Amino acid sequence: MKWWHDEHVRLANENPDWFKEHYDIRGRRRTADEIVDGQFLPKLTEGANPRWVATDSLPSADRGAAKLHEIPKEFAGAEWVDLMETDNGARRFDQLYLLDNGTGDFLIVEAKAPGGELDWRMGAGDHALKRVKQGTLEYVHTILEEMKARGGTDKGLAEEMARALRRKKVQYVMVQANKHTGSRAGAELNFFDLYREGR
């Protein structure tokens, strides 16, 4: 619910004890899977003044940098794939693209605000008893399990992605927006190695 989302952001800024209970000093959620007031806590990033702001309210800082600039520049013809909405953007990929190369390749994008770091969460499926980190094969499998459990279009998409993953046809990148120093901040793109030896 949007009201609780905004209330959690307010508490993060105005109630130091509440903030310390749920976030570390860099604004990272202590537990990504924690339910507070019936929903997941919002991801935070430092805004102006300084104040904490929800990352999902800053499309120009992270998701916009990826969608509008870095992905089209690095992956010509990449096609945006719609994902089902979830509470606070949890339990899903930030962005997903189908690459225009005729082989059914997928591109997963982890969009981060300036200073944002990779999150940990509890795994699902074969990884249900351990924590998994964004940018890893275990995390991808976990999100695919979440997508299958949601059903609808996400289920079919997850099954298609699982087949592509077995063929090593899924790429995973992080696009991190730079701090604003002018009219266009830009971003940095880094690849994750999903298929390194021993994974």
N, C-alpha and C. Protein backbone atom coordinates (compact mmCIF):
# COMPACT_ATOMS: atom_id res chain seq x y z
N MET A 1 0.85 -1.19 0.00
CA MET A 1 0.00 0.00 0.00
C MET A 1 0.89 1.25 0.00
N LYS A 2 0.55 2.20 -0.88
CA LYS A 2 1.38 3.40 -1.03
C LYS A 2 1.50 4.19 0.26
N TRP A 3 0.44 4.23 1.07
CA TRP A 3 0.50 5.01 2.31
C TRP A 3 1.59 4.47 3.23
N TRP A 4 1.64 3.13 3.40
CA TRP A 4 2.66 2.54 4.26
C TRP A 4 4.06 2.73 3.68
N HIS A 5 4.18 2.63 2.37
CA HIS A 5 5.46 2.87 1.71
C HIS A 5 5.99 4.25 2.09
N ASP A 6 5.15 5.28 1.94
CA ASP A 6 5.56 6.65 2.25
C ASP A 6 5.80 6.83 3.74
N GLU A 7 4.99 6.14 4.57
CA GLU A 7 5.17 6.23 6.02
C GLU A 7 6.51 5.63 6.44
N HIS A 8 6.91 4.54 5.81
CA HIS A 8 8.20 3.93 6.14
C HIS A 8 9.36 4.85 5.76
N VAL A 9 9.23 5.54 4.63
CA VAL A 9 10.26 6.51 4.25
C VAL A 9 10.31 7.65 5.26
N ARG A 10 9.12 8.11 5.70
CA ARG A 10 9.08 9.18 6.71
C ARG A 10 9.74 8.74 8.00
N LEU A 11 9.42 7.53 8.46
CA LEU A 11 10.01 7.01 9.69
C LEU A 11 11.52 6.88 9.58
N ALA A 12 11.99 6.46 8.41
CA ALA A 12 13.43 6.32 8.21
C ALA A 12 14.15 7.66 8.40
N ASN A 13 13.47 8.74 8.05
CA ASN A 13 14.06 10.07 8.17
C ASN A 13 13.85 10.71 9.54
N GLU A 14 12.75 10.37 10.20
CA GLU A 14 12.39 11.11 11.41
C GLU A 14 12.47 10.32 12.70
N ASN A 15 12.65 9.00 12.61
CA ASN A 15 12.70 8.17 13.81
C ASN A 15 13.98 7.35 13.81
N PRO A 16 15.05 7.86 14.45
CA PRO A 16 16.34 7.17 14.41
C PRO A 16 16.30 5.74 14.94
N ASP A 17 15.51 5.48 15.97
CA ASP A 17 15.43 4.13 16.53
C ASP A 17 14.77 3.17 15.53
N TRP A 18 13.70 3.62 14.88
CA TRP A 18 13.03 2.79 13.87
C TRP A 18 13.98 2.51 12.71
N PHE A 19 14.69 3.54 12.27
CA PHE A 19 15.65 3.39 11.18
C PHE A 19 16.72 2.36 11.54
N LYS A 20 17.29 2.49 12.75
CA LYS A 20 18.36 1.59 13.18
C LYS A 20 17.88 0.15 13.29
N GLU A 21 16.62 -0.03 13.63
CA GLU A 21 16.06 -1.39 13.74
C GLU A 21 15.94 -2.07 12.39
N HIS A 22 15.65 -1.29 11.34
CA HIS A 22 15.34 -1.88 10.03
C HIS A 22 16.39 -1.65 8.95
N TYR A 23 17.29 -0.68 9.13
CA TYR A 23 18.28 -0.33 8.11
C TYR A 23 19.67 -0.18 8.73
N ASP A 24 20.71 -0.39 7.92
CA ASP A 24 22.06 -0.11 8.42
C ASP A 24 22.38 1.36 8.14
N ILE A 25 23.58 1.79 8.50
CA ILE A 25 23.90 3.23 8.41
C ILE A 25 23.96 3.72 6.97
N ARG A 26 24.07 2.79 5.99
CA ARG A 26 24.10 3.19 4.59
C ARG A 26 22.71 3.13 3.95
N GLY A 27 21.70 2.84 4.76
CA GLY A 27 20.34 2.80 4.23
C GLY A 27 19.94 1.49 3.60
N ARG A 28 20.74 0.44 3.83
CA ARG A 28 20.39 -0.89 3.30
C ARG A 28 19.49 -1.61 4.29
N ARG A 29 18.45 -2.25 3.78
CA ARG A 29 17.55 -3.01 4.65
C ARG A 29 18.33 -4.12 5.33
N ARG A 30 18.10 -4.28 6.64
CA ARG A 30 18.80 -5.34 7.37
C ARG A 30 18.38 -6.72 6.88
N THR A 31 17.11 -6.85 6.50
CA THR A 31 16.59 -8.09 5.93
C THR A 31 15.65 -7.73 4.79
N ALA A 32 16.01 -8.11 3.57
CA ALA A 32 15.20 -7.73 2.41
C ALA A 32 13.81 -8.37 2.45
N ASP A 33 13.68 -9.51 3.14
CA ASP A 33 12.41 -10.22 3.17
C ASP A 33 11.53 -9.83 4.35
N GLU A 34 11.98 -8.85 5.17
CA GLU A 34 11.21 -8.48 6.36
C GLU A 34 9.88 -7.82 5.98
N ILE A 35 8.82 -8.27 6.64
CA ILE A 35 7.49 -7.67 6.45
C ILE A 35 7.23 -6.74 7.63
N VAL A 36 6.95 -5.48 7.33
CA VAL A 36 6.63 -4.48 8.35
C VAL A 36 5.31 -3.83 7.97
N ASP A 37 4.36 -3.86 8.89
CA ASP A 37 3.02 -3.30 8.61
C ASP A 37 2.40 -3.93 7.37
N GLY A 38 2.65 -5.23 7.19
CA GLY A 38 2.00 -5.97 6.11
C GLY A 38 2.65 -5.86 4.74
N GLN A 39 3.83 -5.24 4.66
CA GLN A 39 4.48 -5.15 3.35
C GLN A 39 6.00 -5.06 3.52
N PHE A 40 6.71 -5.24 2.37
CA PHE A 40 8.16 -5.16 2.39
C PHE A 40 8.60 -3.72 2.59
N LEU A 41 9.73 -3.55 3.26
CA LEU A 41 10.28 -2.21 3.45
C LEU A 41 10.82 -1.67 2.12
N PRO A 42 10.71 -0.35 1.90
CA PRO A 42 11.25 0.22 0.66
C PRO A 42 12.78 0.24 0.68
N LYS A 43 13.38 0.12 -0.50
CA LYS A 43 14.82 0.33 -0.64
C LYS A 43 15.06 1.83 -0.57
N LEU A 44 16.14 2.22 0.10
CA LEU A 44 16.43 3.64 0.28
C LEU A 44 17.73 4.04 -0.38
N THR A 45 17.82 5.31 -0.73
CA THR A 45 19.07 5.89 -1.18
C THR A 45 19.14 7.32 -0.65
N GLU A 46 20.34 7.87 -0.60
CA GLU A 46 20.49 9.23 -0.08
C GLU A 46 20.01 10.25 -1.09
N GLY A 47 19.12 11.12 -0.63
CA GLY A 47 18.65 12.21 -1.48
C GLY A 47 19.34 13.50 -1.09
N ALA A 48 18.67 14.60 -1.34
CA ALA A 48 19.23 15.91 -0.99
C ALA A 48 18.95 16.21 0.48
N ASN A 49 19.61 17.17 1.03
CA ASN A 49 19.36 17.84 2.33
C ASN A 49 20.19 17.46 3.55
N PRO A 50 20.66 16.30 3.87
CA PRO A 50 20.42 14.98 3.26
C PRO A 50 19.17 14.32 3.85
N ARG A 51 18.47 13.59 3.03
CA ARG A 51 17.31 12.80 3.45
C ARG A 51 17.33 11.48 2.72
N TRP A 52 16.71 10.47 3.34
CA TRP A 52 16.55 9.19 2.66
C TRP A 52 15.33 9.28 1.74
N VAL A 53 15.45 8.73 0.56
CA VAL A 53 14.33 8.65 -0.37
C VAL A 53 14.22 7.21 -0.86
N ALA A 54 13.02 6.81 -1.25
CA ALA A 54 12.82 5.46 -1.79
C ALA A 54 13.39 5.39 -3.20
N THR A 55 14.17 4.36 -3.49
CA THR A 55 14.78 4.25 -4.81
C THR A 55 13.73 4.15 -5.91
N ASP A 56 12.56 3.56 -5.59
CA ASP A 56 11.55 3.44 -6.63
C ASP A 56 10.86 4.76 -6.96
N SER A 57 11.20 5.82 -6.21
CA SER A 57 10.66 7.14 -6.55
C SER A 57 11.68 7.98 -7.32
N LEU A 58 12.81 7.36 -7.69
CA LEU A 58 13.87 8.08 -8.40
C LEU A 58 14.17 7.45 -9.76
N PRO A 59 13.23 7.45 -10.68
CA PRO A 59 13.49 6.82 -11.97
C PRO A 59 14.65 7.45 -12.72
N SER A 60 14.90 8.74 -12.53
CA SER A 60 16.00 9.38 -13.25
C SER A 60 17.35 9.01 -12.67
N ALA A 61 17.36 8.53 -11.43
CA ALA A 61 18.64 8.24 -10.79
C ALA A 61 19.17 6.87 -11.14
N ASP A 62 18.32 5.86 -11.22
CA ASP A 62 18.84 4.52 -11.47
C ASP A 62 18.15 3.84 -12.64
N ARG A 63 16.84 3.53 -12.50
CA ARG A 63 16.16 2.81 -13.59
C ARG A 63 16.20 3.62 -14.88
N GLY A 64 16.04 4.95 -14.78
CA GLY A 64 16.07 5.78 -15.97
C GLY A 64 17.43 5.78 -16.64
N ALA A 65 18.48 5.81 -15.84
CA ALA A 65 19.83 5.79 -16.41
C ALA A 65 20.05 4.53 -17.21
N ALA A 66 19.53 3.41 -16.71
CA ALA A 66 19.68 2.14 -17.43
C ALA A 66 18.82 2.12 -18.68
N LYS A 67 17.53 2.39 -18.50
CA LYS A 67 16.58 2.24 -19.61
C LYS A 67 16.80 3.24 -20.73
N LEU A 68 17.11 4.49 -20.36
CA LEU A 68 17.17 5.54 -21.36
C LEU A 68 18.55 5.70 -22.00
N HIS A 69 19.61 5.31 -21.28
CA HIS A 69 20.95 5.62 -21.78
C HIS A 69 21.84 4.40 -21.96
N GLU A 70 22.12 3.71 -20.86
CA GLU A 70 23.16 2.68 -20.91
C GLU A 70 22.76 1.45 -21.72
N ILE A 71 21.56 0.94 -21.55
CA ILE A 71 21.16 -0.29 -22.26
C ILE A 71 21.08 -0.05 -23.77
N PRO A 72 20.39 1.01 -24.24
CA PRO A 72 20.37 1.24 -25.69
C PRO A 72 21.77 1.44 -26.27
N LYS A 73 22.66 2.04 -25.48
CA LYS A 73 24.02 2.30 -25.97
C LYS A 73 24.82 1.00 -26.10
N GLU A 74 24.68 0.11 -25.13
CA GLU A 74 25.48 -1.12 -25.10
C GLU A 74 24.82 -2.29 -25.83
N PHE A 75 23.49 -2.29 -25.90
CA PHE A 75 22.76 -3.42 -26.49
C PHE A 75 21.75 -2.89 -27.50
N ALA A 76 22.22 -2.62 -28.70
CA ALA A 76 21.34 -2.08 -29.74
C ALA A 76 20.19 -3.03 -30.01
N GLY A 77 18.98 -2.50 -30.06
CA GLY A 77 17.80 -3.31 -30.37
C GLY A 77 17.23 -4.09 -29.20
N ALA A 78 17.77 -3.89 -27.99
CA ALA A 78 17.24 -4.60 -26.82
C ALA A 78 15.78 -4.21 -26.61
N GLU A 79 14.95 -5.20 -26.38
CA GLU A 79 13.50 -4.97 -26.24
C GLU A 79 13.07 -5.10 -24.78
N TRP A 80 12.47 -4.05 -24.26
CA TRP A 80 11.98 -4.02 -22.88
C TRP A 80 10.95 -5.12 -22.66
N VAL A 81 11.05 -5.85 -21.55
CA VAL A 81 10.08 -6.90 -21.21
C VAL A 81 9.32 -6.46 -19.96
N ASP A 82 7.99 -6.41 -20.06
CA ASP A 82 7.17 -6.03 -18.90
C ASP A 82 7.13 -7.16 -17.88
N LEU A 83 7.35 -6.81 -16.62
CA LEU A 83 7.24 -7.75 -15.51
C LEU A 83 6.06 -7.36 -14.63
N MET A 84 5.47 -8.33 -13.96
CA MET A 84 4.36 -8.02 -13.06
C MET A 84 4.86 -7.17 -11.89
N GLU A 85 4.03 -6.24 -11.46
CA GLU A 85 4.38 -5.37 -10.33
C GLU A 85 4.32 -6.17 -9.03
N THR A 86 5.22 -5.84 -8.09
CA THR A 86 5.23 -6.47 -6.77
C THR A 86 5.37 -5.38 -5.72
N ASP A 87 5.16 -5.73 -4.46
CA ASP A 87 5.29 -4.76 -3.37
C ASP A 87 6.69 -4.17 -3.36
N ASN A 88 6.79 -2.85 -3.51
CA ASN A 88 8.06 -2.12 -3.43
C ASN A 88 9.12 -2.64 -4.39
N GLY A 89 8.70 -3.32 -5.45
CA GLY A 89 9.67 -3.82 -6.42
C GLY A 89 10.48 -5.01 -5.95
N ALA A 90 10.06 -5.63 -4.83
CA ALA A 90 10.78 -6.78 -4.29
C ALA A 90 10.39 -8.05 -5.05
N ARG A 91 11.24 -9.08 -4.99
CA ARG A 91 10.97 -10.39 -5.57
C ARG A 91 10.79 -10.36 -7.09
N ARG A 92 11.54 -9.47 -7.72
CA ARG A 92 11.52 -9.39 -9.19
C ARG A 92 12.83 -8.75 -9.63
N PHE A 93 13.13 -8.85 -10.92
CA PHE A 93 14.29 -8.17 -11.47
C PHE A 93 13.96 -6.69 -11.65
N ASP A 94 14.97 -5.82 -11.53
CA ASP A 94 14.73 -4.39 -11.75
C ASP A 94 14.26 -4.16 -13.17
N GLN A 95 14.99 -4.72 -14.13
CA GLN A 95 14.63 -4.58 -15.54
C GLN A 95 15.00 -5.86 -16.27
N LEU A 96 14.26 -6.13 -17.34
CA LEU A 96 14.52 -7.31 -18.15
C LEU A 96 14.34 -6.94 -19.62
N TYR A 97 15.25 -7.43 -20.45
CA TYR A 97 15.21 -7.16 -21.88
C TYR A 97 15.38 -8.46 -22.66
N LEU A 98 14.80 -8.48 -23.86
CA LEU A 98 15.05 -9.53 -24.82
C LEU A 98 16.02 -8.94 -25.84
N LEU A 99 17.15 -9.63 -26.06
CA LEU A 99 18.16 -9.09 -26.96
C LEU A 99 17.84 -9.42 -28.41
N ASP A 100 18.11 -8.49 -29.27
CA ASP A 100 17.76 -8.61 -30.68
C ASP A 100 18.87 -9.34 -31.45
N ASN A 101 19.02 -10.64 -31.12
CA ASN A 101 20.05 -11.41 -31.82
C ASN A 101 19.50 -12.72 -32.38
N GLY A 102 18.18 -12.91 -32.28
CA GLY A 102 17.56 -14.07 -32.88
C GLY A 102 17.73 -15.38 -32.14
N THR A 103 18.36 -15.36 -30.97
CA THR A 103 18.60 -16.61 -30.24
C THR A 103 17.84 -16.68 -28.92
N GLY A 104 16.97 -15.71 -28.65
CA GLY A 104 16.19 -15.75 -27.42
C GLY A 104 16.97 -15.39 -26.18
N ASP A 105 18.04 -14.61 -26.34
CA ASP A 105 18.85 -14.21 -25.20
C ASP A 105 18.11 -13.19 -24.34
N PHE A 106 18.33 -13.28 -23.02
CA PHE A 106 17.75 -12.31 -22.09
C PHE A 106 18.87 -11.49 -21.45
N LEU A 107 18.53 -10.26 -21.10
CA LEU A 107 19.42 -9.39 -20.36
C LEU A 107 18.72 -8.95 -19.08
N ILE A 108 19.30 -9.28 -17.93
CA ILE A 108 18.78 -8.82 -16.63
C ILE A 108 19.58 -7.59 -16.22
N VAL A 109 18.89 -6.57 -15.75
CA VAL A 109 19.55 -5.34 -15.33
C VAL A 109 19.26 -5.09 -13.85
N GLU A 110 20.33 -4.91 -13.10
CA GLU A 110 20.24 -4.47 -11.70
C GLU A 110 20.51 -2.98 -11.73
N ALA A 111 19.48 -2.15 -11.50
CA ALA A 111 19.63 -0.70 -11.57
C ALA A 111 19.86 -0.14 -10.18
N LYS A 112 20.97 0.56 -10.01
CA LYS A 112 21.34 1.08 -8.70
C LYS A 112 21.51 2.60 -8.72
N ALA A 113 21.04 3.23 -7.66
CA ALA A 113 21.26 4.66 -7.47
C ALA A 113 22.72 4.88 -7.09
N PRO A 114 23.21 6.12 -7.14
CA PRO A 114 24.58 6.39 -6.71
C PRO A 114 24.85 5.88 -5.30
N GLY A 115 25.91 5.12 -5.14
CA GLY A 115 26.26 4.57 -3.83
C GLY A 115 25.48 3.33 -3.44
N GLY A 116 24.50 2.91 -4.25
CA GLY A 116 23.72 1.72 -3.94
C GLY A 116 24.57 0.46 -4.03
N GLU A 117 24.30 -0.50 -3.17
CA GLU A 117 25.06 -1.76 -3.16
C GLU A 117 24.15 -2.94 -3.41
N LEU A 118 24.74 -4.07 -3.76
CA LEU A 118 23.98 -5.28 -4.04
C LEU A 118 23.36 -5.81 -2.75
N ASP A 119 22.08 -6.20 -2.84
CA ASP A 119 21.35 -6.68 -1.67
C ASP A 119 21.46 -8.20 -1.52
N TRP A 120 21.28 -8.65 -0.29
CA TRP A 120 21.14 -10.07 0.03
C TRP A 120 19.69 -10.34 0.39
N ARG A 121 19.23 -11.55 0.17
CA ARG A 121 17.88 -11.96 0.56
C ARG A 121 17.87 -13.47 0.75
N MET A 122 16.79 -13.96 1.35
CA MET A 122 16.65 -15.41 1.48
C MET A 122 16.34 -16.00 0.12
N GLY A 123 16.96 -17.15 -0.18
CA GLY A 123 16.76 -17.81 -1.45
C GLY A 123 15.41 -18.49 -1.53
N ALA A 124 15.13 -19.09 -2.68
CA ALA A 124 13.89 -19.83 -2.92
C ALA A 124 14.24 -21.04 -3.78
N GLY A 125 13.34 -22.01 -3.81
CA GLY A 125 13.58 -23.22 -4.60
C GLY A 125 14.75 -24.00 -4.03
N ASP A 126 15.70 -24.37 -4.87
CA ASP A 126 16.87 -25.14 -4.42
C ASP A 126 17.75 -24.35 -3.46
N HIS A 127 17.56 -23.06 -3.37
CA HIS A 127 18.40 -22.20 -2.51
C HIS A 127 17.61 -21.64 -1.33
N ALA A 128 16.53 -22.32 -0.96
CA ALA A 128 15.61 -21.79 0.05
C ALA A 128 16.21 -21.69 1.44
N LEU A 129 17.25 -22.44 1.74
CA LEU A 129 17.78 -22.45 3.11
C LEU A 129 19.02 -21.58 3.28
N LYS A 130 19.29 -20.72 2.30
CA LYS A 130 20.46 -19.85 2.45
C LYS A 130 20.17 -18.47 1.87
N ARG A 131 21.05 -17.54 2.19
CA ARG A 131 20.92 -16.19 1.66
C ARG A 131 21.63 -16.11 0.31
N VAL A 132 21.06 -15.35 -0.60
CA VAL A 132 21.64 -15.19 -1.92
C VAL A 132 21.82 -13.70 -2.20
N LYS A 133 22.81 -13.40 -3.03
CA LYS A 133 23.15 -12.00 -3.30
C LYS A 133 22.83 -11.64 -4.75
N GLN A 134 22.34 -10.43 -4.94
CA GLN A 134 22.10 -9.94 -6.29
C GLN A 134 23.38 -10.08 -7.11
N GLY A 135 23.21 -10.39 -8.39
CA GLY A 135 24.37 -10.53 -9.27
C GLY A 135 24.90 -11.94 -9.38
N THR A 136 24.25 -12.90 -8.68
CA THR A 136 24.72 -14.29 -8.71
C THR A 136 23.70 -15.20 -9.38
N LEU A 137 24.17 -16.37 -9.80
CA LEU A 137 23.29 -17.36 -10.42
C LEU A 137 22.22 -17.81 -9.43
N GLU A 138 22.60 -17.95 -8.15
CA GLU A 138 21.63 -18.36 -7.13
C GLU A 138 20.51 -17.34 -6.98
N TYR A 139 20.86 -16.07 -7.10
CA TYR A 139 19.84 -15.02 -7.01
C TYR A 139 18.89 -15.09 -8.21
N VAL A 140 19.44 -15.32 -9.40
CA VAL A 140 18.61 -15.43 -10.60
C VAL A 140 17.63 -16.59 -10.44
N HIS A 141 18.13 -17.76 -9.99
CA HIS A 141 17.25 -18.91 -9.78
C HIS A 141 16.15 -18.57 -8.76
N THR A 142 16.51 -17.85 -7.71
CA THR A 142 15.54 -17.47 -6.68
C THR A 142 14.43 -16.59 -7.26
N ILE A 143 14.80 -15.58 -8.04
CA ILE A 143 13.79 -14.69 -8.62
C ILE A 143 12.92 -15.46 -9.62
N LEU A 144 13.51 -16.39 -10.37
CA LEU A 144 12.71 -17.19 -11.29
C LEU A 144 11.68 -18.03 -10.54
N GLU A 145 12.06 -18.56 -9.38
CA GLU A 145 11.12 -19.31 -8.54
C GLU A 145 9.98 -18.41 -8.07
N GLU A 146 10.33 -17.17 -7.68
CA GLU A 146 9.30 -16.21 -7.24
C GLU A 146 8.35 -15.88 -8.39
N MET A 147 8.90 -15.73 -9.58
CA MET A 147 8.07 -15.43 -10.75
C MET A 147 7.12 -16.58 -11.08
N LYS A 148 7.62 -17.80 -10.98
CA LYS A 148 6.77 -18.97 -11.23
C LYS A 148 5.64 -19.03 -10.22
N ALA A 149 5.96 -18.72 -8.95
CA ALA A 149 4.95 -18.77 -7.89
C ALA A 149 3.87 -17.70 -8.08
N ARG A 150 4.21 -16.56 -8.70
CA ARG A 150 3.22 -15.50 -8.93
C ARG A 150 2.23 -15.89 -10.01
N GLY A 151 2.65 -16.77 -10.91
CA GLY A 151 1.76 -17.17 -12.00
C GLY A 151 1.66 -16.11 -13.06
N GLY A 152 0.59 -16.16 -13.83
CA GLY A 152 0.36 -15.16 -14.88
C GLY A 152 1.48 -15.12 -15.89
N THR A 153 1.73 -13.92 -16.44
CA THR A 153 2.77 -13.77 -17.46
C THR A 153 4.16 -14.03 -16.90
N ASP A 154 4.36 -13.74 -15.60
CA ASP A 154 5.68 -13.98 -15.00
C ASP A 154 6.06 -15.46 -15.02
N LYS A 155 5.07 -16.34 -14.83
CA LYS A 155 5.35 -17.78 -14.80
C LYS A 155 5.90 -18.25 -16.15
N GLY A 156 5.21 -17.89 -17.23
CA GLY A 156 5.67 -18.29 -18.56
C GLY A 156 7.02 -17.70 -18.89
N LEU A 157 7.23 -16.46 -18.49
CA LEU A 157 8.51 -15.79 -18.73
C LEU A 157 9.63 -16.47 -17.97
N ALA A 158 9.36 -16.86 -16.71
CA ALA A 158 10.37 -17.54 -15.89
C ALA A 158 10.76 -18.87 -16.50
N GLU A 159 9.80 -19.60 -17.03
CA GLU A 159 10.09 -20.90 -17.65
C GLU A 159 10.94 -20.71 -18.90
N GLU A 160 10.63 -19.65 -19.67
CA GLU A 160 11.42 -19.35 -20.88
C GLU A 160 12.84 -18.95 -20.50
N MET A 161 12.96 -18.14 -19.43
CA MET A 161 14.28 -17.71 -18.98
C MET A 161 15.10 -18.88 -18.43
N ALA A 162 14.44 -19.81 -17.74
CA ALA A 162 15.15 -20.98 -17.21
C ALA A 162 15.76 -21.80 -18.34
N ARG A 163 15.03 -21.93 -19.44
CA ARG A 163 15.58 -22.65 -20.59
C ARG A 163 16.77 -21.90 -21.18
N ALA A 164 16.66 -20.58 -21.27
CA ALA A 164 17.76 -19.77 -21.78
C ALA A 164 18.97 -19.85 -20.85
N LEU A 165 18.72 -19.89 -19.56
CA LEU A 165 19.80 -19.97 -18.57
C LEU A 165 20.59 -21.27 -18.74
N ARG A 166 19.88 -22.36 -18.99
CA ARG A 166 20.56 -23.65 -19.19
C ARG A 166 21.44 -23.62 -20.43
N ARG A 167 21.07 -22.80 -21.42
CA ARG A 167 21.87 -22.67 -22.64
C ARG A 167 22.91 -21.55 -22.51
N LYS A 168 23.01 -20.97 -21.32
CA LYS A 168 23.92 -19.85 -21.05
C LYS A 168 23.62 -18.66 -21.97
N LYS A 169 22.33 -18.39 -22.12
CA LYS A 169 21.87 -17.30 -22.98
C LYS A 169 21.24 -16.16 -22.17
N VAL A 170 21.63 -16.06 -20.90
CA VAL A 170 21.15 -14.96 -20.05
C VAL A 170 22.36 -14.14 -19.62
N GLN A 171 22.32 -12.85 -19.86
CA GLN A 171 23.36 -11.95 -19.38
C GLN A 171 22.79 -11.12 -18.23
N TYR A 172 23.68 -10.69 -17.33
CA TYR A 172 23.25 -9.97 -16.12
C TYR A 172 24.22 -8.82 -15.91
N VAL A 173 23.68 -7.60 -15.83
CA VAL A 173 24.53 -6.43 -15.65
C VAL A 173 24.00 -5.56 -14.51
N MET A 174 24.89 -4.73 -13.98
CA MET A 174 24.49 -3.69 -13.04
C MET A 174 24.74 -2.35 -13.70
N VAL A 175 23.73 -1.50 -13.69
CA VAL A 175 23.88 -0.12 -14.15
C VAL A 175 23.75 0.77 -12.93
N GLN A 176 24.84 1.45 -12.59
CA GLN A 176 24.86 2.31 -11.41
C GLN A 176 24.94 3.76 -11.84
N ALA A 177 23.92 4.53 -11.47
CA ALA A 177 23.90 5.95 -11.82
C ALA A 177 25.01 6.68 -11.08
N ASN A 178 25.64 7.61 -11.77
CA ASN A 178 26.64 8.46 -11.14
C ASN A 178 25.94 9.59 -10.39
N LYS A 179 26.64 10.16 -9.42
CA LYS A 179 26.08 11.30 -8.70
C LYS A 179 25.92 12.46 -9.69
N HIS A 180 24.81 13.21 -9.53
CA HIS A 180 24.53 14.30 -10.45
C HIS A 180 25.56 15.42 -10.29
N THR A 181 26.22 15.72 -11.40
CA THR A 181 27.19 16.83 -11.39
C THR A 181 26.84 17.86 -12.45
N GLY A 182 25.75 17.63 -13.19
CA GLY A 182 25.34 18.55 -14.24
C GLY A 182 23.95 18.17 -14.72
N SER A 183 23.65 18.48 -15.97
CA SER A 183 22.32 18.20 -16.47
C SER A 183 22.09 16.72 -16.70
N ARG A 184 23.18 15.95 -16.99
CA ARG A 184 23.04 14.51 -17.18
C ARG A 184 24.14 13.81 -16.43
N ALA A 185 23.77 12.96 -15.50
CA ALA A 185 24.76 12.35 -14.63
C ALA A 185 25.47 11.18 -15.29
N GLY A 186 24.78 10.42 -16.14
CA GLY A 186 25.39 9.23 -16.73
C GLY A 186 25.40 8.08 -15.74
N ALA A 187 25.97 6.96 -16.17
CA ALA A 187 25.99 5.77 -15.33
C ALA A 187 27.12 4.86 -15.76
N GLU A 188 27.42 3.90 -14.91
CA GLU A 188 28.46 2.91 -15.19
C GLU A 188 27.83 1.54 -15.31
N LEU A 189 28.22 0.76 -16.32
CA LEU A 189 27.67 -0.57 -16.55
C LEU A 189 28.74 -1.62 -16.29
N ASN A 190 28.39 -2.62 -15.47
CA ASN A 190 29.31 -3.72 -15.18
C ASN A 190 28.60 -5.06 -15.36
N PHE A 191 29.32 -6.04 -15.90
CA PHE A 191 28.77 -7.37 -16.12
C PHE A 191 29.01 -8.29 -14.92
N PHE A 192 28.02 -9.12 -14.60
CA PHE A 192 28.19 -10.20 -13.64
C PHE A 192 28.54 -11.47 -14.42
N ASP A 193 29.39 -12.32 -13.84
CA ASP A 193 29.77 -13.57 -14.50
C ASP A 193 28.92 -14.70 -13.91
N LEU A 194 27.81 -15.00 -14.57
CA LEU A 194 26.89 -16.03 -14.07
C LEU A 194 27.43 -17.44 -14.26
N TYR A 195 28.34 -17.62 -15.20
CA TYR A 195 28.69 -18.98 -15.62
C TYR A 195 30.14 -19.35 -15.30
N ARG A 196 30.74 -18.65 -14.34
CA ARG A 196 32.13 -18.96 -14.04
C ARG A 196 32.25 -20.38 -13.48
N GLU A 197 33.42 -20.92 -13.57
CA GLU A 197 33.69 -22.30 -13.15
C GLU A 197 33.24 -22.53 -11.72
N GLY A 198 32.58 -23.67 -11.50
CA GLY A 198 32.19 -24.06 -10.16
C GLY A 198 30.83 -23.58 -9.76
N ARG A 199 30.10 -22.87 -10.67
CA ARG A 199 28.76 -22.39 -10.34
C ARG A 199 27.70 -23.31 -10.88
